[in-house]
Protein backbone atom coordinates (compact mmCIF):
# COMPACT_ATOMS: atom_id res chain seq x y z
CA MET A 1 -51.30 -68.12 61.99
CA ILE A 2 -47.89 -66.33 61.30
CA GLY A 3 -47.70 -68.50 58.61
CA ARG A 4 -50.92 -67.57 57.06
CA LYS A 5 -49.86 -63.46 57.12
CA ARG A 6 -46.60 -64.46 55.18
CA LEU A 7 -48.95 -66.12 52.30
CA VAL A 8 -50.82 -63.07 52.18
CA ARG A 9 -48.55 -60.77 52.25
CA ALA A 10 -46.65 -62.90 49.43
CA ILE A 11 -49.80 -62.86 47.38
CA ALA A 12 -50.47 -59.20 47.45
CA VAL A 13 -46.39 -58.64 46.02
CA ILE A 14 -47.14 -60.98 43.00
CA SER A 15 -50.24 -59.04 41.94
CA VAL A 16 -48.75 -55.82 42.19
CA ALA A 17 -46.07 -57.02 40.17
CA VAL A 18 -48.05 -58.60 37.49
CA ALA A 19 -49.99 -55.51 37.18
CA THR A 20 -46.99 -53.37 36.72
CA GLY A 21 -45.78 -55.40 34.16
CA GLN A 22 -48.92 -55.36 32.37
CA THR A 23 -48.96 -51.07 32.26
CA VAL A 24 -45.35 -51.26 31.08
CA GLU A 25 -46.31 -53.99 28.56
CA SER A 26 -49.25 -51.78 27.45
CA LEU A 27 -46.94 -48.79 26.61
CA ARG A 28 -44.30 -50.23 24.81
CA PRO A 29 -44.75 -50.14 20.91
CA THR A 30 -45.68 -53.07 18.80
CA ALA A 31 -44.10 -54.67 16.34
CA LYS A 32 -46.76 -53.01 13.91
CA ASP A 33 -46.02 -49.72 15.33
CA VAL A 34 -42.71 -49.75 14.66
CA GLY A 35 -42.97 -50.36 10.76
CA LYS A 36 -45.15 -47.31 10.69
CA THR A 37 -41.80 -45.35 11.22
CA GLY A 38 -39.05 -47.40 9.72
CA THR A 39 -36.39 -46.21 12.11
CA GLY A 40 -38.21 -46.59 15.28
CA VAL A 41 -40.09 -44.86 17.76
CA SER A 42 -40.00 -41.03 17.79
CA GLY A 43 -40.44 -38.51 20.49
CA ALA A 44 -44.20 -37.76 19.37
CA ASP A 45 -45.17 -41.33 19.44
CA ILE A 46 -44.59 -41.39 23.11
CA LEU A 47 -44.93 -38.03 24.87
CA PRO A 48 -48.20 -36.26 25.35
CA SER A 49 -49.42 -33.36 23.38
CA SER A 50 -49.20 -31.76 26.90
CA ALA A 51 -45.36 -32.18 27.06
CA SER A 52 -44.63 -30.27 23.47
CA LEU A 53 -42.32 -27.45 23.72
CA VAL A 54 -43.63 -25.76 20.91
CA PRO A 55 -47.23 -25.65 20.40
CA ALA A 56 -48.80 -27.32 17.72
CA GLY A 57 -49.18 -25.20 14.28
CA SER A 58 -46.72 -22.60 15.67
CA LEU A 59 -44.03 -23.22 13.27
CA PRO A 60 -44.09 -21.47 10.22
CA ASP A 61 -43.55 -22.99 6.73
CA ILE A 62 -40.12 -22.16 5.49
CA ARG A 63 -40.29 -23.32 1.93
CA GLY A 64 -39.70 -20.62 -0.39
CA ILE A 65 -38.06 -18.42 1.82
CA THR A 66 -34.31 -17.48 0.01
CA PRO A 67 -31.27 -15.82 2.66
CA VAL A 68 -30.76 -12.57 0.75
CA ALA A 69 -30.01 -10.47 3.88
CA ALA A 70 -26.05 -11.14 3.13
CA ALA A 71 -25.70 -10.64 -0.12
CA SER A 72 -28.23 -7.52 -0.12
CA GLU A 73 -25.64 -6.18 2.37
CA ALA A 74 -22.46 -7.05 -0.02
CA ALA A 75 -24.67 -5.63 -2.98
CA ASP A 76 -24.78 -2.13 -0.73
CA ARG A 77 -21.30 -2.37 -0.25
CA ASN A 78 -20.27 -2.59 -4.03
CA ALA A 79 -22.93 0.10 -5.09
CA CYS A 80 -21.08 2.53 -2.81
CA VAL A 81 -17.54 1.42 -4.04
CA PRO A 82 -15.80 4.54 -6.41
CA SER A 83 -15.17 3.84 -10.10
CA LEU A 84 -12.33 5.50 -12.01
CA ALA A 85 -12.13 5.37 -15.69
CA LEU A 86 -9.23 7.24 -17.70
CA ALA A 87 -8.89 7.74 -21.65
CA SER A 88 -6.49 9.41 -23.44
CA SER A 89 -7.27 12.51 -25.47
CA ALA A 90 -5.74 14.83 -27.96
CA GLY A 91 -2.64 16.93 -26.91
CA ALA A 92 -1.11 14.46 -24.45
CA MET A 93 -4.50 15.09 -21.89
CA ILE A 94 -6.01 12.51 -19.89
CA ASP A 95 -9.98 12.43 -19.99
CA VAL A 96 -11.37 11.19 -15.95
CA SER A 97 -14.05 9.95 -15.31
CA LEU A 98 -15.14 9.17 -11.33
CA ARG A 99 -18.15 8.05 -10.47
CA ALA A 100 -18.69 7.29 -6.40
CA PRO A 101 -22.66 7.17 -5.98
CA CYS A 102 -22.59 7.30 -2.10
CA ASN A 103 -20.25 10.34 -2.39
CA ALA A 104 -22.28 13.28 -3.92
CA ASP A 105 -20.65 16.62 -3.44
CA GLU A 106 -18.12 15.43 -1.62
CA ARG A 107 -14.37 17.27 -1.64
CA VAL A 108 -11.92 15.00 -3.57
CA VAL A 109 -8.18 14.98 -4.05
CA ILE A 110 -6.91 13.73 -7.57
CA ARG A 111 -2.98 12.92 -7.72
CA HIS A 112 -1.26 12.15 -10.59
CA ALA A 113 2.40 11.96 -10.38
CA GLY A 114 2.39 13.16 -6.91
CA ILE A 115 0.73 16.31 -7.96
CA PRO A 116 -2.09 16.76 -5.79
CA PHE A 117 -5.32 19.00 -6.38
CA THR A 118 -8.78 18.94 -4.88
CA ALA A 119 -12.13 18.79 -6.76
CA GLN A 120 -15.81 18.47 -5.84
CA MET A 121 -18.29 15.57 -6.84
CA GLY A 122 -21.28 16.42 -8.39
CA ALA A 123 -24.63 16.09 -6.65
CA ASP A 124 -25.33 13.23 -8.84
CA GLY A 125 -22.15 11.58 -7.75
CA ARG A 126 -19.95 11.92 -10.57
CA LEU A 127 -16.94 14.01 -11.59
CA SER A 128 -15.44 14.54 -15.02
CA LEU A 129 -12.35 16.60 -16.00
CA THR A 130 -9.32 16.82 -18.00
CA LEU A 131 -5.56 17.25 -16.61
CA PRO A 132 -2.43 17.07 -18.76
CA ALA A 133 -0.45 13.97 -18.60
CA LEU A 134 3.33 13.95 -17.23
CA GLU A 135 3.88 10.40 -17.80
CA ARG A 136 3.36 7.96 -20.61
CA ASN A 137 1.65 5.42 -18.39
CA ALA A 138 -0.12 7.76 -16.35
CA VAL A 139 -1.43 6.94 -12.90
CA VAL A 140 -4.37 8.71 -11.31
CA ALA A 141 -5.76 7.96 -7.87
CA ALA A 142 -9.07 9.75 -6.19
CA TYR A 143 -9.04 10.04 -2.60
CA PHE A 144 -12.71 10.57 -0.53
CA GLU A 145 -12.75 11.96 2.84
CA GLY A 146 -13.99 8.56 4.27
CA SER A 147 -10.83 6.67 3.14
CA ALA A 148 -12.14 5.63 0.05
CA ILE A 149 -9.36 5.17 -3.02
CA ALA A 150 -10.04 4.66 -6.77
CA LEU A 151 -7.28 4.23 -8.75
CA ALA A 152 -7.14 4.19 -12.92
CA THR A 153 -4.14 4.01 -14.95
CA VAL A 154 -3.86 4.97 -19.09
CA GLU A 155 -1.01 5.09 -21.27
CA ILE A 156 -0.52 8.69 -23.21
CA PRO A 157 1.90 8.02 -25.99
CA ASP A 158 2.00 11.76 -27.18
CA VAL A 159 3.34 12.63 -23.94
CA GLU A 160 6.53 11.92 -25.00
CA HIS A 161 6.62 14.65 -27.48
CA GLN A 162 5.98 17.31 -25.00
CA SER A 163 7.47 19.15 -22.08
CA ARG A 164 5.51 20.23 -18.63
CA PHE A 165 6.36 21.92 -15.80
CA ALA A 166 3.64 21.56 -12.86
CA PHE A 167 3.93 23.45 -9.51
CA GLN A 168 1.60 22.38 -6.51
CA ALA A 169 1.41 24.24 -2.94
CA PRO A 170 -0.66 23.58 0.05
CA TYR A 171 -3.14 25.19 1.22
CA PRO A 172 -4.00 28.26 1.92
CA VAL A 173 -1.08 29.22 0.04
CA GLU A 174 -2.26 31.84 -3.30
CA PHE A 175 0.41 31.91 -5.91
CA GLN A 176 0.38 32.57 -10.05
CA LEU A 177 2.69 30.58 -12.06
CA ARG A 178 4.65 32.71 -15.02
CA ALA A 179 5.96 31.84 -17.92
CA GLU A 180 8.24 34.00 -20.42
CA GLU A 181 8.37 32.94 -23.72
CA GLY A 182 10.54 35.88 -25.60
CA GLU A 183 8.18 38.91 -25.77
CA THR A 184 5.26 36.91 -24.68
CA LEU A 185 3.84 36.19 -21.23
CA HIS A 186 1.41 33.28 -20.00
CA LEU A 187 -0.10 33.43 -16.44
CA GLY A 188 -1.92 31.18 -14.03
CA GLY A 189 -4.69 31.98 -12.74
CA ALA A 190 -8.28 33.81 -13.89
CA SER A 191 -6.14 36.02 -16.63
CA GLY A 192 -4.04 32.97 -17.65
CA SER A 193 -3.62 31.58 -20.93
CA GLY A 194 -4.25 28.15 -22.56
CA ARG A 195 -0.28 27.15 -22.00
CA ILE A 196 -0.63 27.04 -18.33
CA LEU A 197 -3.92 24.67 -17.13
CA ILE A 198 -5.39 25.35 -13.70
CA LEU A 199 -6.14 22.26 -11.66
CA GLY A 200 -8.19 21.96 -8.25
CA SER A 201 -11.52 23.67 -7.07
CA ASP A 202 -11.31 26.36 -4.06
CA GLN A 203 -14.78 25.87 -3.69
CA VAL A 204 -14.19 23.20 -1.20
CA ALA A 205 -12.92 22.89 2.71
CA GLU A 206 -8.79 23.45 2.14
CA PRO A 207 -8.63 23.69 -1.18
CA HIS A 208 -5.16 22.53 -3.28
CA LEU A 209 -4.65 24.03 -6.59
CA ALA A 210 -2.06 22.90 -9.14
CA GLN A 211 -0.71 24.75 -12.54
CA VAL A 212 1.12 23.07 -15.39
CA TYR A 213 2.61 24.83 -17.94
CA THR A 214 3.52 23.27 -21.36
CA PHE A 215 6.11 24.24 -23.11
CA PRO A 216 6.16 25.39 -27.21
CA GLY A 217 8.60 22.65 -27.93
CA VAL A 218 10.84 19.83 -26.49
CA ASP A 219 13.14 22.47 -25.13
CA LEU A 220 12.84 23.51 -21.50
CA ALA A 221 15.38 26.26 -22.21
CA SER A 222 12.42 28.54 -24.55
CA SER A 223 10.61 29.47 -21.51
CA SER A 224 11.59 31.47 -18.35
CA LEU A 225 9.85 30.25 -14.90
CA SER A 226 8.81 31.76 -11.93
CA VAL A 227 6.16 31.59 -9.51
CA LYS A 228 4.26 34.57 -7.58
CA VAL A 229 3.02 33.86 -4.37
CA ARG A 230 1.14 36.27 -2.34
CA VAL A 231 2.03 37.14 1.05
CA THR A 232 -1.20 36.98 3.04
CA GLU A 233 -2.27 36.98 7.15
CA GLN A 234 -2.88 33.29 6.83
CA THR A 235 0.57 32.53 5.28
CA CYS A 236 3.04 35.44 6.49
CA GLY A 237 6.02 34.07 8.46
CA ARG A 238 5.20 30.76 7.67
CA SER A 239 7.45 27.83 6.03
CA PHE A 240 5.61 25.33 3.75
CA LYS A 241 7.04 23.05 1.16
CA ALA A 242 5.97 23.32 -2.61
CA GLU A 243 5.82 20.48 -5.26
CA THR A 244 7.33 20.77 -8.75
CA ARG A 245 7.41 17.90 -11.54
CA VAL A 246 8.94 18.56 -14.87
CA SER A 247 7.97 15.92 -17.78
CA GLN A 248 10.13 15.31 -20.42
CA GLY A 249 9.75 12.81 -22.96
CA GLY A 250 7.46 11.30 -20.52
CA ALA A 251 9.91 10.87 -17.69
CA VAL A 252 9.19 13.08 -14.42
CA THR A 253 11.80 14.96 -12.45
CA ALA A 254 10.10 15.48 -8.99
CA GLN A 255 11.42 18.17 -6.65
CA THR A 256 10.42 19.96 -2.90
CA LEU A 257 11.05 23.66 -2.74
CA PRO A 258 11.41 24.43 0.86
CA VAL A 259 9.65 28.32 1.29
CA THR A 260 9.77 30.48 3.64
CA MET A 261 7.09 33.52 3.75
CA PRO A 262 8.44 36.99 4.95
CA ILE A 263 7.27 38.89 8.36
CA CYS A 264 3.78 40.02 8.96
CA GLY A 265 3.37 42.96 8.37
CA MET A 266 3.70 42.73 4.66
CA SER A 267 0.37 41.44 3.53
CA GLY A 268 -0.35 42.40 -0.18
CA ASP A 269 3.08 41.83 -1.20
CA ASN A 270 4.55 39.21 -3.24
CA LEU A 271 7.38 36.43 -3.08
CA VAL A 272 8.85 35.61 -6.31
CA LEU A 273 10.26 32.29 -7.04
CA LYS A 274 12.65 32.23 -9.94
CA ASN A 275 15.10 29.48 -11.66
CA LEU A 276 12.51 26.77 -11.09
CA LEU A 277 13.82 24.59 -13.86
CA SER A 278 17.25 24.58 -11.78
CA ALA A 279 17.44 26.21 -8.17
CA VAL A 280 15.10 27.76 -6.38
CA THR A 281 16.26 31.63 -5.05
CA LEU A 282 14.03 34.07 -3.35
CA ALA A 283 13.95 37.45 -4.99
CA ALA A 284 12.82 40.50 -2.83
CA PRO A 285 9.14 41.16 -2.33
CA LYS A 286 7.40 43.19 -4.70
């Protein structure tokens, strides 16, 4: 009896094993199926559609798409880079052409031979001006509020036949360069003459102005120079440093002049700086 039960149980186990083997064999790809892919069976050949992580037909067709985002950003940055062009003109002058499309109407500081002055960009992001050269190998730089800088150089051979004196004082100092040539007096400012050129615009925040005098010849002793500094409520009792540049034969001599203004209560008076080509003396207020 017991032997018959064991025999029946063994037959049942063998039947389950055979059925399981047939099921596994039915899921195994045939050689014919393998030949269709050439590399083996892919997951799509085995997994039912319900096991896919991406719904059928949801992937876009990426053919023809060009990756332009990075190139576009780089192009935008390049479009905002300011450019500066310089040209030599008659009388040892420098024609300046500044282009900054992303800095329209902004304040800009122009610097040449260490002398800075302010200007304002046009509504079209352009600025054109002319300034007297102080160096043969002239370097001009433009500084914007956002730290952008444009730099250019130009050769000015004619500057070797010129002698020039430049004076610059920081904001809010008001000054006037004066040059006496015998009986002739040249003045900077609104009533100035052609020998003294005013550099800079006072229509911007914290304006910096410079004045440049061109001698009638190469002899610096042919003229007597002085600077009249106006005493105002903003400058009285204060000290500041003025900058001067003397250009002879294309070579520049730089000097920093410490200036102490009279005490407050004397607004409307003037302080006169003399002997600018050697040492500075402070004359009594006039």
